[in-house]
Amino acid sequence: MAEILVFVTTASEQEASKIAHELVEKRLAACANILGRVRSVFSWEGKVADEQEALMVLKSHDDRFDELSRRIKELHSYSVPEIIAIPITQGLPEYLQWVRNTTKSDPSARR
């Protein structure tokens, strides 16, 4: 089991903020960074799209990914949202411990 970074693009910073608050409140993510106004060029339904989006970078734990991605899909405006997780292979041990503790589903286990 390991800590992960999860990348999610949204239609706006407001949508990213709404999703981020929900995920942090539910301890599905320890932290969410919202990078506003990224330009995304992608193929969708046979056409090339060029859109302004917001990008969220979430810090979580891989044992929370299934619930995290399910909740993102419920809250997201896209029919197929970008939800990509990559493992954190190295980091400040105290920070990674904070991510681990913050994303535990049982709040009494945070100590």
C-alpha atoms as a PDB file:
ATOM      1  CA  MET A   1       0.000   0.000   0.000  1.00  0.00           C
ATOM      2  CA  ALA A   2       1.315   3.411  -0.938  1.00  0.00           C
ATOM      3  CA  GLU A   3       0.522   7.062  -1.145  1.00  0.00           C
ATOM      4  CA  ILE A   4      -0.624   8.314  -4.546  1.00  0.00           C
ATOM      5  CA  LEU A   5      -1.065  11.487  -6.568  1.00  0.00           C
ATOM      6  CA  VAL A   6      -4.379  11.650  -8.404  1.00  0.00           C
ATOM      7  CA  PHE A   7      -4.839  14.001 -11.370  1.00  0.00           C
ATOM      8  CA  VAL A   8      -8.345  15.204 -12.220  1.00  0.00           C
ATOM      9  CA  THR A   9      -9.319  17.856 -14.770  1.00  0.00           C
ATOM     10  CA  THR A  10     -12.583  19.754 -14.358  1.00  0.00           C
ATOM     11  CA  ALA A  11     -14.588  22.239 -16.399  1.00  0.00           C
ATOM     12  CA  SER A  12     -13.864  25.091 -13.960  1.00  0.00           C
ATOM     13  CA  GLU A  13     -12.052  26.067 -10.770  1.00  0.00           C
ATOM     14  CA  GLN A  14     -15.437  26.216  -9.023  1.00  0.00           C
ATOM     15  CA  GLU A  15     -16.159  22.590  -9.911  1.00  0.00           C
ATOM     16  CA  ALA A  16     -12.661  21.570  -8.781  1.00  0.00           C
ATOM     17  CA  SER A  17     -13.164  23.406  -5.487  1.00  0.00           C
ATOM     18  CA  LYS A  18     -16.508  21.704  -4.841  1.00  0.00           C
ATOM     19  CA  ILE A  19     -15.038  18.269  -5.518  1.00  0.00           C
ATOM     20  CA  ALA A  20     -11.872  19.001  -3.526  1.00  0.00           C
ATOM     21  CA  HIS A  21     -13.793  20.108  -0.429  1.00  0.00           C
ATOM     22  CA  GLU A  22     -15.929  16.968  -0.509  1.00  0.00           C
ATOM     23  CA  LEU A  23     -12.937  14.639  -0.907  1.00  0.00           C
ATOM     24  CA  VAL A  24     -10.944  16.253   1.895  1.00  0.00           C
ATOM     25  CA  GLU A  25     -13.959  16.384   4.231  1.00  0.00           C
ATOM     26  CA  LYS A  26     -14.589  12.658   3.629  1.00  0.00           C
ATOM     27  CA  ARG A  27     -10.859  11.867   4.154  1.00  0.00           C
ATOM     28  CA  LEU A  28     -10.609  10.453   0.640  1.00  0.00           C
ATOM     29  CA  ALA A  29      -7.806  12.939  -0.033  1.00  0.00           C
ATOM     30  CA  ALA A  30      -5.436  14.572   2.433  1.00  0.00           C
ATOM     31  CA  CYS A  31      -4.921  17.609   0.221  1.00  0.00           C
ATOM     32  CA  ALA A  32      -6.048  19.009  -3.116  1.00  0.00           C
ATOM     33  CA  ASN A  33      -4.085  21.512  -5.165  1.00  0.00           C
ATOM     34  CA  ILE A  34      -6.174  23.327  -7.765  1.00  0.00           C
ATOM     35  CA  LEU A  35      -4.303  24.694 -10.735  1.00  0.00           C
ATOM     36  CA  GLY A  36      -6.629  27.004 -12.586  1.00  0.00           C
ATOM     37  CA  ARG A  37      -6.838  27.545 -16.308  1.00  0.00           C
ATOM     38  CA  VAL A  38      -4.910  24.793 -17.963  1.00  0.00           C
ATOM     39  CA  ARG A  39      -5.324  24.323 -21.677  1.00  0.00           C
ATOM     40  CA  SER A  40      -6.244  20.805 -22.729  1.00  0.00           C
ATOM     41  CA  VAL A  41      -6.103  19.553 -26.313  1.00  0.00           C
ATOM     42  CA  PHE A  42      -7.664  16.120 -26.675  1.00  0.00           C
ATOM     43  CA  SER A  43      -9.594  13.832 -28.975  1.00  0.00           C
ATOM     44  CA  TRP A  44     -13.229  13.299 -27.954  1.00  0.00           C
ATOM     45  CA  GLU A  45     -15.981  11.636 -29.966  1.00  0.00           C
ATOM     46  CA  GLY A  46     -14.001  11.806 -33.195  1.00  0.00           C
ATOM     47  CA  LYS A  47     -13.077  15.495 -32.918  1.00  0.00           C
ATOM     48  CA  VAL A  48     -10.097  17.412 -31.594  1.00  0.00           C
ATOM     49  CA  ALA A  49     -11.133  19.641 -28.703  1.00  0.00           C
ATOM     50  CA  ASP A  50      -9.188  22.603 -27.325  1.00  0.00           C
ATOM     51  CA  GLU A  51     -10.589  23.619 -23.934  1.00  0.00           C
ATOM     52  CA  GLN A  52      -9.765  25.612 -20.821  1.00  0.00           C
ATOM     53  CA  GLU A  53      -9.986  23.437 -17.712  1.00  0.00           C
ATOM     54  CA  ALA A  54      -8.813  23.356 -14.114  1.00  0.00           C
ATOM     55  CA  LEU A  55      -6.453  20.663 -12.874  1.00  0.00           C
ATOM     56  CA  MET A  56      -6.601  19.115  -9.418  1.00  0.00           C
ATOM     57  CA  VAL A  57      -3.695  17.243  -7.903  1.00  0.00           C
ATOM     58  CA  LEU A  58      -4.879  15.129  -4.982  1.00  0.00           C
ATOM     59  CA  LYS A  59      -2.749  13.402  -2.360  1.00  0.00           C
ATOM     60  CA  SER A  60      -4.273  10.169  -1.137  1.00  0.00           C
ATOM     61  CA  HIS A  61      -3.586   6.522  -0.405  1.00  0.00           C
ATOM     62  CA  ASP A  62      -4.063   3.715  -2.893  1.00  0.00           C
ATOM     63  CA  ASP A  63      -6.440   1.839  -0.588  1.00  0.00           C
ATOM     64  CA  ARG A  64      -8.816   4.836  -0.874  1.00  0.00           C
ATOM     65  CA  PHE A  65      -8.657   5.054  -4.692  1.00  0.00           C
ATOM     66  CA  ASP A  66     -11.802   3.073  -5.515  1.00  0.00           C
ATOM     67  CA  GLU A  67     -13.995   5.157  -3.218  1.00  0.00           C
ATOM     68  CA  LEU A  68     -12.228   8.381  -4.244  1.00  0.00           C
ATOM     69  CA  SER A  69     -12.766   7.747  -7.966  1.00  0.00           C
ATOM     70  CA  ARG A  70     -16.390   6.703  -7.396  1.00  0.00           C
ATOM     71  CA  ARG A  71     -17.089   9.937  -5.522  1.00  0.00           C
ATOM     72  CA  ILE A  72     -15.348  12.052  -8.170  1.00  0.00           C
ATOM     73  CA  LYS A  73     -17.510  10.446 -10.867  1.00  0.00           C
ATOM     74  CA  GLU A  74     -20.660  11.221  -8.840  1.00  0.00           C
ATOM     75  CA  LEU A  75     -19.710  14.893  -8.411  1.00  0.00           C
ATOM     76  CA  HIS A  76     -18.100  15.539 -11.811  1.00  0.00           C
ATOM     77  CA  SER A  77     -19.829  17.189 -14.771  1.00  0.00           C
ATOM     78  CA  TYR A  78     -17.991  15.087 -17.387  1.00  0.00           C
ATOM     79  CA  SER A  79     -19.374  11.711 -18.448  1.00  0.00           C
ATOM     80  CA  VAL A  80     -15.808  10.309 -18.483  1.00  0.00           C
ATOM     81  CA  PRO A  81     -13.642  12.400 -16.164  1.00  0.00           C
ATOM     82  CA  GLU A  82      -9.874  12.138 -16.101  1.00  0.00           C
ATOM     83  CA  ILE A  83      -8.955  10.270 -12.915  1.00  0.00           C
ATOM     84  CA  ILE A  84      -5.350   9.115 -13.064  1.00  0.00           C
ATOM     85  CA  ALA A  85      -3.325   7.891 -10.087  1.00  0.00           C
ATOM     86  CA  ILE A  86       0.424   7.507  -9.898  1.00  0.00           C
ATOM     87  CA  PRO A  87       2.366   6.158  -6.932  1.00  0.00           C
ATOM     88  CA  ILE A  88       4.539   8.437  -4.850  1.00  0.00           C
ATOM     89  CA  THR A  89       7.817   6.547  -4.832  1.00  0.00           C
ATOM     90  CA  GLN A  90       9.696   8.921  -2.534  1.00  0.00           C
ATOM     91  CA  GLY A  91       8.900  11.837  -0.265  1.00  0.00           C
ATOM     92  CA  LEU A  92       9.506  13.379   3.123  1.00  0.00           C
ATOM     93  CA  PRO A  93       8.602  10.538   5.512  1.00  0.00           C
ATOM     94  CA  GLU A  94       6.684  12.852   7.853  1.00  0.00           C
ATOM     95  CA  TYR A  95       4.612  14.217   4.959  1.00  0.00           C
ATOM     96  CA  LEU A  96       3.799  10.754   3.644  1.00  0.00           C
ATOM     97  CA  GLN A  97       2.818   9.682   7.159  1.00  0.00           C
ATOM     98  CA  TRP A  98       0.485  12.706   7.339  1.00  0.00           C
ATOM     99  CA  VAL A  99      -1.147  11.647   4.035  1.00  0.00           C
ATOM    100  CA  ARG A 100      -1.531   8.102   5.366  1.00  0.00           C
ATOM    101  CA  ASN A 101      -3.016   9.242   8.680  1.00  0.00           C
ATOM    102  CA  THR A 102      -5.314  11.837   7.137  1.00  0.00           C
ATOM    103  CA  THR A 103      -6.864   9.439   4.645  1.00  0.00           C
ATOM    104  CA  LYS A 104      -7.629   6.634   7.083  1.00  0.00           C
ATOM    105  CA  SER A 105     -11.321   5.846   7.018  1.00  0.00           C
ATOM    106  CA  ASP A 106     -11.479   5.443  10.804  1.00  0.00           C
ATOM    107  CA  PRO A 107     -10.765   8.836  12.459  1.00  0.00           C
ATOM    108  CA  SER A 108      -9.722   7.146  15.711  1.00  0.00           C
ATOM    109  CA  ALA A 109      -6.903   5.435  13.785  1.00  0.00           C
ATOM    110  CA  ARG A 110      -5.338   8.796  12.835  1.00  0.00           C
ATOM    111  CA  ARG A 111      -3.048   8.905  15.866  1.00  0.00           C
END
